[in-house]
Amino acid sequence: MSTFDQEAMKKGTVPWSARECAEVMEWYHRTITTPKDDWDLDERGLLFQDAEGKVSELRFNMFQPMNQFGFYMTRRYAPDVMPYHTYRFMQIMDFLSEHQQDLLRDGLARHGGEEFSEVRGEVLEALCTLPFTKCTKSDDGGESYTFDYEEVVSKARDLIDHNE
């Protein structure tokens, strides 16, 4: 994939390896639970030029976990795939947060002893490969897509049946 396809990102049609996603999730969890004085806090920023030719710099607050995550993803992935995996990661994290109790109830996750539940590998695999099909329309007519819970459960159960 050489050109950015916003529609593919928006609808989650670019799959991701569940193994790689699990590695990124582990890195993220380890980072946010590590004291910030152990983080890479080197100053970073972007230079940009406005219409009048004035050059300004936008500096990143490296104490923010999402800025750490963004720089990690730019080091890990090539520019042609990084936006897709980053957006899918955000969708996965939102899904897991929103449906944590549902996944526990349905036997697809268990309490991990911390604030996060541990989901079955098949759930993560489903989240890494399924497109975003649940559409929400905003008041201004815009559309946003995310995972459909029933589709994720169905795919995860199919993978569980296949693996047993």
Protein backbone atom coordinates (compact mmCIF):
# COMPACT_ATOMS: atom_id res chain seq x y z
CA MET A 1 0.00 0.00 0.00
CA SER A 2 1.82 3.08 -1.18
CA THR A 3 -0.75 5.86 -0.95
CA PHE A 4 -2.81 6.79 2.06
CA ASP A 5 -6.44 5.71 1.76
CA GLN A 6 -8.53 7.56 4.34
CA GLU A 7 -11.61 5.45 3.57
CA ALA A 8 -9.65 2.23 4.24
CA MET A 9 -8.49 3.62 7.56
CA LYS A 10 -11.95 4.90 8.48
CA LYS A 11 -13.57 1.53 7.74
CA GLY A 12 -10.76 -0.66 9.05
CA THR A 13 -10.16 -2.60 5.85
CA VAL A 14 -6.39 -2.86 6.40
CA PRO A 15 -5.80 -5.87 8.70
CA TRP A 16 -3.05 -6.11 11.29
CA SER A 17 -1.17 -9.06 12.74
CA ALA A 18 -2.59 -10.04 16.14
CA ARG A 19 0.95 -10.86 17.28
CA GLU A 20 2.17 -7.37 16.38
CA CYS A 21 -0.88 -5.77 17.98
CA ALA A 22 -0.24 -7.75 21.18
CA GLU A 23 3.38 -6.52 21.18
CA VAL A 24 2.22 -2.91 20.79
CA MET A 25 -0.37 -3.38 23.55
CA GLU A 26 2.32 -4.79 25.84
CA TRP A 27 4.63 -1.85 25.04
CA TYR A 28 1.82 0.64 25.70
CA HIS A 29 0.79 -0.98 29.00
CA ARG A 30 4.43 -1.20 30.13
CA THR A 31 5.00 2.45 29.20
CA ILE A 32 1.98 3.87 31.01
CA THR A 33 2.85 1.88 34.15
CA THR A 34 6.51 2.96 34.12
CA PRO A 35 7.54 6.10 36.01
CA LYS A 36 7.75 8.99 33.56
CA ASP A 37 11.35 9.76 34.47
CA ASP A 38 12.19 6.45 32.70
CA TRP A 39 10.46 7.57 29.48
CA ASP A 40 12.22 8.98 26.42
CA LEU A 41 11.62 12.65 27.17
CA ASP A 42 13.86 14.13 24.47
CA GLU A 43 12.28 17.29 23.08
CA ARG A 44 10.51 16.79 19.79
CA GLY A 45 8.58 19.05 17.50
CA LEU A 46 7.57 19.81 13.94
CA LEU A 47 8.49 22.83 11.90
CA PHE A 48 5.87 24.24 9.57
CA GLN A 49 5.54 27.28 7.38
CA ASP A 50 2.38 29.39 7.24
CA ALA A 51 0.98 31.14 4.17
CA GLU A 52 3.12 34.24 4.80
CA GLY A 53 6.30 32.16 4.96
CA LYS A 54 6.73 32.40 8.71
CA VAL A 55 8.24 29.23 10.18
CA SER A 56 6.81 28.04 13.47
CA GLU A 57 7.45 25.00 15.62
CA LEU A 58 4.90 22.75 17.22
CA ARG A 59 6.45 21.06 20.27
CA PHE A 60 5.19 17.77 21.64
CA ASN A 61 4.66 17.23 25.34
CA MET A 62 6.58 13.98 25.83
CA PHE A 63 4.95 13.51 29.25
CA GLN A 64 1.74 12.60 27.38
CA PRO A 65 1.36 8.83 26.84
CA MET A 66 -0.20 9.29 23.39
CA ASN A 67 2.80 11.31 22.21
CA GLN A 68 5.07 8.51 23.42
CA PHE A 69 2.82 6.06 21.57
CA GLY A 70 2.91 8.10 18.37
CA PHE A 71 6.69 8.22 18.32
CA TYR A 72 6.88 4.51 19.10
CA MET A 73 4.60 3.71 16.16
CA THR A 74 6.63 5.91 13.78
CA ARG A 75 9.76 3.99 14.77
CA ARG A 76 8.07 0.59 14.48
CA TYR A 77 6.16 0.95 11.20
CA ALA A 78 6.79 2.36 7.76
CA PRO A 79 4.84 5.53 6.94
CA ASP A 80 2.61 3.70 4.46
CA VAL A 81 1.11 1.40 7.15
CA MET A 82 1.60 3.27 10.42
CA PRO A 83 -1.62 5.36 10.24
CA TYR A 84 -3.77 2.27 9.64
CA HIS A 85 -2.29 0.31 12.56
CA THR A 86 -2.36 3.32 14.86
CA TYR A 87 -6.02 4.00 14.12
CA ARG A 88 -6.92 0.31 14.51
CA PHE A 89 -5.07 0.25 17.84
CA MET A 90 -7.15 3.20 19.06
CA GLN A 91 -10.34 1.46 17.91
CA ILE A 92 -9.29 -1.76 19.65
CA MET A 93 -8.53 0.04 22.90
CA ASP A 94 -11.87 1.86 22.78
CA PHE A 95 -13.71 -1.40 22.02
CA LEU A 96 -12.03 -3.26 24.88
CA SER A 97 -12.79 -0.44 27.29
CA GLU A 98 -16.40 -0.12 26.20
CA HIS A 99 -17.10 -3.87 26.12
CA GLN A 100 -14.95 -5.12 29.00
CA GLN A 101 -17.93 -6.27 31.06
CA ASP A 102 -19.61 -7.84 28.01
CA LEU A 103 -16.46 -9.83 27.18
CA LEU A 104 -16.16 -11.00 30.79
CA ARG A 105 -19.84 -12.01 30.83
CA ASP A 106 -19.48 -13.90 27.52
CA GLY A 107 -16.38 -15.79 28.69
CA LEU A 108 -14.09 -14.09 26.20
CA ALA A 109 -12.01 -12.26 28.81
CA ARG A 110 -10.93 -12.78 32.38
CA HIS A 111 -9.82 -10.43 35.13
CA GLY A 112 -6.11 -9.85 34.81
CA GLY A 113 -5.52 -8.76 38.38
CA GLU A 114 -5.12 -5.13 37.36
CA GLU A 115 -7.46 -2.57 35.88
CA PHE A 116 -7.29 -4.36 32.52
CA SER A 117 -8.96 -7.63 31.67
CA GLU A 118 -7.12 -10.22 29.64
CA VAL A 119 -8.98 -11.06 26.44
CA ARG A 120 -8.67 -14.34 24.62
CA GLY A 121 -6.24 -14.32 21.73
CA GLU A 122 -9.10 -15.08 19.37
CA VAL A 123 -10.80 -11.82 20.36
CA LEU A 124 -7.64 -9.88 19.58
CA GLU A 125 -7.28 -11.73 16.28
CA ALA A 126 -10.88 -10.83 15.38
CA LEU A 127 -10.24 -7.19 16.29
CA CYS A 128 -7.10 -7.14 14.14
CA THR A 129 -8.78 -8.51 11.03
CA LEU A 130 -12.43 -7.45 11.03
CA PRO A 131 -13.43 -4.23 9.30
CA PHE A 132 -15.28 -1.52 11.21
CA THR A 133 -18.94 -2.03 10.27
CA LYS A 134 -20.86 -0.31 13.05
CA CYS A 135 -21.65 3.15 11.65
CA THR A 136 -22.66 6.15 13.72
CA LYS A 137 -23.87 9.30 12.01
CA SER A 138 -23.22 12.67 13.57
CA ASP A 139 -25.61 15.61 13.56
CA ASP A 140 -23.64 17.21 10.73
CA GLY A 141 -24.01 14.09 8.54
CA GLY A 142 -20.52 12.70 9.12
CA GLU A 143 -20.03 9.01 9.65
CA SER A 144 -17.72 7.18 12.02
CA TYR A 145 -17.14 3.46 12.06
CA THR A 146 -16.11 1.04 14.74
CA PHE A 147 -16.37 -2.66 15.55
CA ASP A 148 -19.74 -4.35 15.84
CA TYR A 149 -19.73 -6.32 19.11
CA GLU A 150 -21.76 -9.24 17.73
CA GLU A 151 -19.44 -9.58 14.72
CA VAL A 152 -16.38 -9.63 16.97
CA VAL A 153 -17.93 -12.28 19.24
CA SER A 154 -19.01 -14.40 16.26
CA LYS A 155 -15.56 -14.24 14.65
CA ALA A 156 -13.82 -14.96 17.98
CA ARG A 157 -16.07 -17.98 18.62
CA ASP A 158 -15.39 -19.29 15.09
CA LEU A 159 -11.66 -18.97 15.74
CA ILE A 160 -12.02 -20.72 19.12
CA ASP A 161 -13.95 -23.59 17.49
CA HIS A 162 -11.31 -23.83 14.74
CA ASN A 163 -8.45 -23.88 17.26
CA GLU A 164 -9.98 -26.58 19.52
